[in-house]
Amino acid sequence: MASTFTDCIKLRHITCYNCSATYGLNEAFAARRIEDGKGWWCPYCGASTVFGDGENARLRLEKESLERQLRAESNRVASELARHDQTKARLRATKAVATRRKKQIERVEKGVCPQCKRSFTNLRRHMATQHYCGNAAQATPDVDALANKGRSKAEGR
């Protein structure tokens, strides 16, 4: 007994670019080839045919491109944050130095020696007699008195 099988298959009409032969591809097979970007061979001349890169391949390339852009932007943001943190640290250090100098000046104005940390009513005289080493930048002697002293010796007074 013979049996009959009937099936309805949709075919996609294809014309070979190489030999111009016309043939049909199963619609499901053609859809898979479009999706995965793979090709097939012409049944007459054997030429390779591809529908293009395919939707999945295009989306994969687009995804990779966007991931590269995201990594680059993340690296840029991280470096900017690091630079910002460094700037804030420098600013804190500068403020700390300024505060220390300001406090030191306030202590000197109140008569506290910056070197031996003792309090004196005449700090200028103390600095000139106890801490003067010949360098005006390190000690603050009474410059006018020293200048007059030197002149009087030179003039023979």
N, C-alpha and C. Protein backbone atom coordinates (compact mmCIF):
# COMPACT_ATOMS: atom_id res chain seq x y z
N MET A 1 0.81 -1.17 0.00
CA MET A 1 0.00 0.00 0.00
C MET A 1 0.87 1.25 0.00
N ALA A 2 0.59 2.07 -0.89
CA ALA A 2 1.35 3.31 -1.02
C ALA A 2 0.64 4.40 -0.25
N SER A 3 1.43 5.26 0.37
CA SER A 3 0.84 6.40 1.09
C SER A 3 1.30 7.68 0.44
N THR A 4 0.48 8.64 0.56
CA THR A 4 0.77 9.93 -0.04
C THR A 4 1.00 10.95 1.06
N PHE A 5 2.00 11.77 0.84
CA PHE A 5 2.33 12.80 1.83
C PHE A 5 2.28 14.14 1.13
N THR A 6 1.53 15.04 1.71
CA THR A 6 1.41 16.38 1.13
C THR A 6 1.90 17.39 2.17
N ASP A 7 2.76 18.28 1.73
CA ASP A 7 3.29 19.30 2.64
C ASP A 7 3.36 20.61 1.89
N CYS A 8 3.08 21.65 2.59
CA CYS A 8 3.13 22.99 1.99
C CYS A 8 4.39 23.68 2.49
N ILE A 9 5.32 23.95 1.59
CA ILE A 9 6.58 24.58 1.95
C ILE A 9 6.68 25.90 1.22
N LYS A 10 7.04 26.96 1.97
CA LYS A 10 7.23 28.26 1.35
C LYS A 10 8.68 28.36 0.89
N LEU A 11 8.86 28.77 -0.35
CA LEU A 11 10.20 28.90 -0.92
C LEU A 11 10.49 30.37 -1.22
N ARG A 12 11.73 30.71 -1.06
CA ARG A 12 12.18 32.06 -1.39
C ARG A 12 12.85 31.98 -2.76
N HIS A 13 12.45 32.82 -3.67
CA HIS A 13 12.97 32.84 -5.04
C HIS A 13 14.36 33.49 -5.03
N ILE A 14 15.38 32.75 -5.49
CA ILE A 14 16.77 33.23 -5.50
C ILE A 14 17.30 33.13 -6.93
N THR A 15 18.03 34.15 -7.36
CA THR A 15 18.73 34.12 -8.64
C THR A 15 20.21 34.21 -8.34
N CYS A 16 20.99 33.27 -8.84
CA CYS A 16 22.43 33.23 -8.57
C CYS A 16 23.12 34.40 -9.25
N TYR A 17 23.99 35.04 -8.55
CA TYR A 17 24.72 36.18 -9.09
C TYR A 17 25.78 35.74 -10.10
N ASN A 18 26.21 34.47 -10.01
CA ASN A 18 27.29 33.98 -10.85
C ASN A 18 26.77 33.39 -12.17
N CYS A 19 25.81 32.45 -12.08
CA CYS A 19 25.34 31.76 -13.29
C CYS A 19 23.93 32.19 -13.70
N SER A 20 23.29 33.05 -12.95
CA SER A 20 21.93 33.57 -13.22
C SER A 20 20.86 32.49 -13.19
N ALA A 21 21.17 31.36 -12.58
CA ALA A 21 20.16 30.31 -12.46
C ALA A 21 19.16 30.71 -11.38
N THR A 22 17.92 30.26 -11.56
CA THR A 22 16.88 30.56 -10.59
C THR A 22 16.56 29.28 -9.83
N TYR A 23 16.48 29.40 -8.50
CA TYR A 23 16.12 28.26 -7.66
C TYR A 23 15.40 28.76 -6.43
N GLY A 24 14.89 27.88 -5.65
CA GLY A 24 14.15 28.26 -4.45
C GLY A 24 14.82 27.73 -3.19
N LEU A 25 14.78 28.54 -2.15
CA LEU A 25 15.28 28.13 -0.83
C LEU A 25 14.11 28.06 0.12
N ASN A 26 14.14 27.07 0.99
CA ASN A 26 13.13 26.95 2.02
C ASN A 26 13.14 28.25 2.83
N GLU A 27 11.98 28.81 3.10
CA GLU A 27 11.87 30.09 3.80
C GLU A 27 12.49 30.02 5.19
N ALA A 28 12.33 28.91 5.90
CA ALA A 28 12.92 28.77 7.24
C ALA A 28 14.45 28.76 7.15
N PHE A 29 14.99 28.06 6.13
CA PHE A 29 16.44 28.02 5.94
C PHE A 29 16.97 29.42 5.60
N ALA A 30 16.28 30.12 4.71
CA ALA A 30 16.69 31.47 4.32
C ALA A 30 16.66 32.40 5.54
N ALA A 31 15.63 32.25 6.39
CA ALA A 31 15.53 33.10 7.59
C ALA A 31 16.70 32.83 8.54
N ARG A 32 17.09 31.55 8.69
CA ARG A 32 18.24 31.21 9.55
C ARG A 32 19.53 31.81 8.98
N ARG A 33 19.70 31.74 7.65
CA ARG A 33 20.90 32.29 7.03
C ARG A 33 20.95 33.82 7.19
N ILE A 34 19.81 34.47 7.12
CA ILE A 34 19.76 35.93 7.32
C ILE A 34 20.14 36.25 8.76
N GLU A 35 19.64 35.44 9.68
CA GLU A 35 19.87 35.66 11.11
C GLU A 35 21.33 35.43 11.49
N ASP A 36 21.91 34.31 11.06
CA ASP A 36 23.26 33.98 11.51
C ASP A 36 24.34 34.52 10.57
N GLY A 37 23.97 35.03 9.41
CA GLY A 37 24.94 35.63 8.49
C GLY A 37 25.77 34.63 7.72
N LYS A 38 25.45 33.35 7.79
CA LYS A 38 26.18 32.33 7.04
C LYS A 38 25.64 32.24 5.62
N GLY A 39 26.36 31.56 4.76
CA GLY A 39 25.94 31.48 3.36
C GLY A 39 25.55 30.07 2.96
N TRP A 40 25.35 29.84 1.65
CA TRP A 40 25.03 28.54 1.08
C TRP A 40 25.61 28.52 -0.32
N TRP A 41 25.53 27.38 -0.96
CA TRP A 41 26.11 27.21 -2.28
C TRP A 41 25.01 27.10 -3.32
N CYS A 42 25.26 27.70 -4.49
CA CYS A 42 24.31 27.58 -5.60
C CYS A 42 24.28 26.11 -6.03
N PRO A 43 23.08 25.52 -6.21
CA PRO A 43 23.01 24.11 -6.60
C PRO A 43 23.51 23.85 -8.03
N TYR A 44 23.64 24.87 -8.86
CA TYR A 44 24.05 24.68 -10.25
C TYR A 44 25.54 24.93 -10.48
N CYS A 45 26.05 26.08 -9.99
CA CYS A 45 27.46 26.41 -10.28
C CYS A 45 28.35 26.30 -9.05
N GLY A 46 27.78 26.17 -7.87
CA GLY A 46 28.56 26.02 -6.64
C GLY A 46 29.09 27.32 -6.08
N ALA A 47 28.61 28.47 -6.58
CA ALA A 47 29.07 29.76 -6.06
C ALA A 47 28.50 29.99 -4.66
N SER A 48 29.33 30.57 -3.82
CA SER A 48 28.90 30.86 -2.44
C SER A 48 28.04 32.11 -2.45
N THR A 49 26.96 32.05 -1.72
CA THR A 49 26.04 33.18 -1.65
C THR A 49 25.73 33.47 -0.18
N VAL A 50 25.65 34.76 0.13
CA VAL A 50 25.36 35.20 1.50
C VAL A 50 24.33 36.32 1.41
N PHE A 51 23.40 36.36 2.37
CA PHE A 51 22.40 37.44 2.40
C PHE A 51 22.98 38.74 2.96
N GLY A 52 24.16 38.69 3.43
CA GLY A 52 24.76 39.86 4.07
C GLY A 52 25.32 39.42 5.42
N ASP A 53 25.64 40.37 6.25
CA ASP A 53 26.21 40.04 7.56
C ASP A 53 25.18 39.40 8.48
N GLY A 54 23.95 39.65 8.25
CA GLY A 54 22.93 39.09 9.11
C GLY A 54 22.61 40.02 10.28
N GLU A 55 21.41 39.91 10.75
CA GLU A 55 20.95 40.78 11.84
C GLU A 55 21.72 40.52 13.12
N ASN A 56 21.96 39.26 13.46
CA ASN A 56 22.70 38.95 14.70
C ASN A 56 24.12 39.49 14.65
N ALA A 57 24.77 39.32 13.51
CA ALA A 57 26.14 39.82 13.39
C ALA A 57 26.18 41.34 13.50
N ARG A 58 25.22 42.01 12.87
CA ARG A 58 25.15 43.47 12.94
C ARG A 58 24.93 43.91 14.38
N LEU A 59 24.00 43.25 15.07
CA LEU A 59 23.72 43.60 16.47
C LEU A 59 24.92 43.30 17.36
N ARG A 60 25.64 42.20 17.11
CA ARG A 60 26.82 41.86 17.90
C ARG A 60 27.90 42.93 17.72
N LEU A 61 28.12 43.37 16.46
CA LEU A 61 29.11 44.41 16.21
C LEU A 61 28.71 45.72 16.87
N GLU A 62 27.43 46.04 16.80
CA GLU A 62 26.95 47.26 17.44
C GLU A 62 27.13 47.18 18.96
N LYS A 63 26.85 46.01 19.53
CA LYS A 63 27.02 45.82 20.97
C LYS A 63 28.48 45.98 21.37
N GLU A 64 29.40 45.36 20.61
CA GLU A 64 30.82 45.47 20.91
C GLU A 64 31.29 46.93 20.82
N SER A 65 30.79 47.64 19.83
CA SER A 65 31.15 49.05 19.68
C SER A 65 30.67 49.86 20.88
N LEU A 66 29.43 49.63 21.29
CA LEU A 66 28.90 50.35 22.44
C LEU A 66 29.64 49.98 23.72
N GLU A 67 30.05 48.72 23.86
CA GLU A 67 30.82 48.32 25.04
C GLU A 67 32.17 49.00 25.07
N ARG A 68 32.83 49.13 23.88
CA ARG A 68 34.11 49.84 23.82
C ARG A 68 33.93 51.30 24.21
N GLN A 69 32.86 51.92 23.71
CA GLN A 69 32.60 53.31 24.06
C GLN A 69 32.34 53.46 25.55
N LEU A 70 31.60 52.52 26.12
CA LEU A 70 31.31 52.55 27.55
C LEU A 70 32.59 52.40 28.37
N ARG A 71 33.48 51.48 27.98
CA ARG A 71 34.75 51.31 28.70
C ARG A 71 35.60 52.57 28.61
N ALA A 72 35.65 53.16 27.41
CA ALA A 72 36.44 54.38 27.24
C ALA A 72 35.88 55.51 28.11
N GLU A 73 34.57 55.64 28.14
CA GLU A 73 33.94 56.69 28.95
C GLU A 73 34.16 56.42 30.43
N SER A 74 34.08 55.16 30.84
CA SER A 74 34.31 54.80 32.24
C SER A 74 35.75 55.12 32.64
N ASN A 75 36.70 54.82 31.76
CA ASN A 75 38.10 55.14 32.04
C ASN A 75 38.30 56.64 32.14
N ARG A 76 37.64 57.39 31.27
CA ARG A 76 37.76 58.85 31.30
C ARG A 76 37.19 59.40 32.61
N VAL A 77 36.03 58.90 33.01
CA VAL A 77 35.41 59.35 34.25
C VAL A 77 36.29 58.99 35.45
N ALA A 78 36.86 57.79 35.44
CA ALA A 78 37.73 57.37 36.54
C ALA A 78 38.96 58.27 36.63
N SER A 79 39.55 58.60 35.49
CA SER A 79 40.73 59.47 35.52
C SER A 79 40.36 60.88 35.98
N GLU A 80 39.19 61.37 35.57
CA GLU A 80 38.75 62.69 36.02
C GLU A 80 38.50 62.68 37.53
N LEU A 81 37.91 61.60 38.05
CA LEU A 81 37.69 61.49 39.49
C LEU A 81 39.02 61.45 40.24
N ALA A 82 40.00 60.74 39.69
CA ALA A 82 41.31 60.68 40.32
C ALA A 82 41.96 62.06 40.33
N ARG A 83 41.88 62.76 39.20
CA ARG A 83 42.43 64.12 39.14
C ARG A 83 41.72 65.03 40.12
N HIS A 84 40.40 64.88 40.24
CA HIS A 84 39.63 65.69 41.18
C HIS A 84 40.07 65.42 42.62
N ASP A 85 40.26 64.13 42.95
CA ASP A 85 40.71 63.77 44.29
C ASP A 85 42.10 64.34 44.58
N GLN A 86 43.00 64.29 43.58
CA GLN A 86 44.33 64.84 43.76
C GLN A 86 44.26 66.36 43.99
N THR A 87 43.40 67.02 43.24
CA THR A 87 43.25 68.47 43.39
C THR A 87 42.71 68.80 44.78
N LYS A 88 41.72 68.02 45.24
CA LYS A 88 41.18 68.25 46.58
C LYS A 88 42.25 68.02 47.64
N ALA A 89 43.08 67.00 47.47
CA ALA A 89 44.15 66.72 48.43
C ALA A 89 45.17 67.86 48.45
N ARG A 90 45.53 68.38 47.27
CA ARG A 90 46.46 69.52 47.22
C ARG A 90 45.85 70.73 47.90
N LEU A 91 44.56 70.96 47.68
CA LEU A 91 43.89 72.10 48.31
C LEU A 91 43.88 71.95 49.83
N ARG A 92 43.60 70.72 50.32
CA ARG A 92 43.62 70.48 51.77
C ARG A 92 45.01 70.73 52.33
N ALA A 93 46.04 70.25 51.62
CA ALA A 93 47.41 70.45 52.08
C ALA A 93 47.77 71.93 52.12
N THR A 94 47.37 72.66 51.10
CA THR A 94 47.64 74.10 51.05
C THR A 94 46.94 74.82 52.19
N LYS A 95 45.69 74.46 52.44
CA LYS A 95 44.95 75.08 53.54
C LYS A 95 45.60 74.75 54.88
N ALA A 96 46.09 73.51 55.02
CA ALA A 96 46.74 73.12 56.28
C ALA A 96 48.00 73.93 56.50
N VAL A 97 48.80 74.12 55.44
CA VAL A 97 50.01 74.92 55.57
C VAL A 97 49.66 76.36 55.92
N ALA A 98 48.65 76.91 55.24
CA ALA A 98 48.23 78.28 55.52
C ALA A 98 47.75 78.42 56.97
N THR A 99 47.02 77.44 57.46
CA THR A 99 46.53 77.49 58.84
C THR A 99 47.69 77.42 59.82
N ARG A 100 48.67 76.53 59.57
CA ARG A 100 49.84 76.44 60.45
C ARG A 100 50.61 77.76 60.47
N ARG A 101 50.81 78.35 59.30
CA ARG A 101 51.52 79.63 59.23
C ARG A 101 50.74 80.72 59.97
N LYS A 102 49.43 80.73 59.79
CA LYS A 102 48.61 81.74 60.46
C LYS A 102 48.71 81.59 61.99
N LYS A 103 48.65 80.34 62.47
CA LYS A 103 48.76 80.11 63.91
C LYS A 103 50.14 80.49 64.41
N GLN A 104 51.19 80.20 63.61
CA GLN A 104 52.54 80.56 64.01
C GLN A 104 52.67 82.08 64.10
N ILE A 105 52.09 82.79 63.14
CA ILE A 105 52.14 84.26 63.16
C ILE A 105 51.39 84.78 64.38
N GLU A 106 50.23 84.21 64.69
CA GLU A 106 49.47 84.64 65.87
C GLU A 106 50.29 84.42 67.14
N ARG A 107 50.99 83.29 67.22
CA ARG A 107 51.80 83.00 68.41
C ARG A 107 52.96 83.99 68.52
N VAL A 108 53.59 84.31 67.39
CA VAL A 108 54.69 85.28 67.40
C VAL A 108 54.17 86.65 67.81
N GLU A 109 52.99 87.02 67.30
CA GLU A 109 52.41 88.32 67.68
C GLU A 109 52.13 88.39 69.18
N LYS A 110 51.86 87.24 69.80
CA LYS A 110 51.61 87.20 71.25
C LYS A 110 52.91 87.09 72.05
N GLY A 111 54.07 87.00 71.36
CA GLY A 111 55.35 86.98 72.05
C GLY A 111 55.93 85.61 72.27
N VAL A 112 55.46 84.59 71.60
CA VAL A 112 55.99 83.24 71.76
C VAL A 112 57.08 83.01 70.70
N CYS A 113 58.25 82.58 71.15
CA CYS A 113 59.37 82.33 70.25
C CYS A 113 59.04 81.14 69.35
N PRO A 114 59.21 81.28 68.03
CA PRO A 114 58.89 80.17 67.13
C PRO A 114 59.91 79.04 67.20
N GLN A 115 61.09 79.28 67.78
CA GLN A 115 62.11 78.24 67.84
C GLN A 115 62.14 77.52 69.18
N CYS A 116 62.12 78.27 70.28
CA CYS A 116 62.20 77.61 71.58
C CYS A 116 60.85 77.53 72.29
N LYS A 117 59.81 78.09 71.72
CA LYS A 117 58.43 77.99 72.18
C LYS A 117 58.20 78.62 73.57
N ARG A 118 59.09 79.53 73.98
CA ARG A 118 58.89 80.23 75.25
C ARG A 118 58.32 81.60 74.97
N SER A 119 57.69 82.17 75.97
CA SER A 119 57.04 83.47 75.83
C SER A 119 57.96 84.57 76.34
N PHE A 120 58.03 85.68 75.58
CA PHE A 120 58.89 86.81 75.94
C PHE A 120 58.13 88.10 75.73
N THR A 121 58.42 89.11 76.58
CA THR A 121 57.78 90.41 76.40
C THR A 121 58.44 91.15 75.24
N ASN A 122 59.76 90.96 75.03
CA ASN A 122 60.46 91.58 73.92
C ASN A 122 61.02 90.46 73.04
N LEU A 123 60.20 89.92 72.20
CA LEU A 123 60.57 88.79 71.36
C LEU A 123 61.65 89.17 70.36
N ARG A 124 61.63 90.40 69.85
CA ARG A 124 62.61 90.83 68.87
C ARG A 124 64.02 90.79 69.48
N ARG A 125 64.16 91.28 70.69
CA ARG A 125 65.47 91.25 71.36
C ARG A 125 65.91 89.81 71.62
N HIS A 126 64.97 88.96 72.05
CA HIS A 126 65.29 87.55 72.29
C HIS A 126 65.79 86.89 71.01
N MET A 127 65.11 87.12 69.90
CA MET A 127 65.52 86.52 68.62
C MET A 127 66.89 87.03 68.21
N ALA A 128 67.16 88.32 68.43
CA ALA A 128 68.44 88.90 68.03
C ALA A 128 69.59 88.36 68.88
N THR A 129 69.33 88.15 70.15
CA THR A 129 70.41 87.72 71.02
C THR A 129 70.54 86.21 71.12
N GLN A 130 69.48 85.47 71.08
CA GLN A 130 69.53 84.03 71.31
C GLN A 130 69.55 83.20 70.03
N HIS A 131 68.86 83.64 68.99
CA HIS A 131 68.69 82.81 67.80
C HIS A 131 69.29 83.42 66.53
N TYR A 132 69.92 84.57 66.61
CA TYR A 132 70.44 85.20 65.41
C TYR A 132 71.68 84.47 64.93
N CYS A 133 71.66 84.03 63.66
CA CYS A 133 72.80 83.30 63.12
C CYS A 133 73.36 83.98 61.88
N GLY A 134 73.05 85.23 61.69
CA GLY A 134 73.58 85.97 60.55
C GLY A 134 72.69 85.91 59.33
N ASN A 135 71.64 85.11 59.36
CA ASN A 135 70.73 84.99 58.21
C ASN A 135 69.42 85.67 58.57
N ALA A 136 69.09 86.72 57.87
CA ALA A 136 67.90 87.50 58.18
C ALA A 136 66.62 86.71 57.94
N ALA A 137 66.70 85.69 57.10
CA ALA A 137 65.51 84.88 56.82
C ALA A 137 65.19 83.94 57.97
N GLN A 138 66.20 83.52 58.73
CA GLN A 138 65.97 82.58 59.82
C GLN A 138 65.63 83.28 61.13
N ALA A 139 66.16 84.43 61.35
CA ALA A 139 65.88 85.15 62.59
C ALA A 139 65.44 86.56 62.24
N THR A 140 64.78 87.20 63.16
CA THR A 140 64.29 88.55 62.90
C THR A 140 64.87 89.51 63.94
N PRO A 141 66.15 89.85 63.85
CA PRO A 141 66.73 90.78 64.81
C PRO A 141 66.28 92.20 64.51
N ASP A 142 66.60 93.10 65.41
CA ASP A 142 66.28 94.51 65.20
C ASP A 142 67.26 95.03 64.15
N VAL A 143 66.83 95.02 62.92
CA VAL A 143 67.70 95.35 61.79
C VAL A 143 68.18 96.79 61.89
N ASP A 144 67.32 97.72 62.30
CA ASP A 144 67.71 99.13 62.40
C ASP A 144 68.82 99.31 63.43
N ALA A 145 68.69 98.61 64.55
CA ALA A 145 69.71 98.74 65.60
C ALA A 145 71.04 98.21 65.10
N LEU A 146 71.02 97.08 64.41
CA LEU A 146 72.26 96.51 63.89
C LEU A 146 72.86 97.42 62.81
N ALA A 147 72.04 98.01 61.99
CA ALA A 147 72.54 98.90 60.94
C ALA A 147 73.19 100.14 61.57
N ASN A 148 72.57 100.72 62.60
CA ASN A 148 73.15 101.88 63.27
C ASN A 148 74.44 101.50 63.98
N LYS A 149 74.51 100.34 64.55
CA LYS A 149 75.70 99.87 65.25
C LYS A 149 76.87 99.77 64.28
N GLY A 150 76.61 99.21 63.09
CA GLY A 150 77.65 99.08 62.08
C GLY A 150 78.12 100.43 61.57
N ARG A 151 77.21 101.39 61.44
CA ARG A 151 77.56 102.72 60.94
C ARG A 151 78.40 103.47 61.96
N SER A 152 78.04 103.33 63.21
CA SER A 152 78.77 104.08 64.24
C SER A 152 80.22 103.61 64.33
N LYS A 153 80.50 102.32 64.10
CA LYS A 153 81.85 101.83 64.13
C LYS A 153 82.61 102.35 62.91
N ALA A 154 81.94 102.39 61.78
CA ALA A 154 82.59 102.84 60.55
C ALA A 154 82.91 104.32 60.62
N GLU A 155 82.03 105.11 61.24
CA GLU A 155 82.23 106.55 61.29
C GLU A 155 83.20 106.93 62.40
N GLY A 156 83.49 106.04 63.29
CA GLY A 156 84.43 106.31 64.37
C GLY A 156 83.79 107.04 65.54
N ARG A 157 82.58 106.87 65.80
CA ARG A 157 81.88 107.55 66.89
C ARG A 157 82.25 107.02 68.21
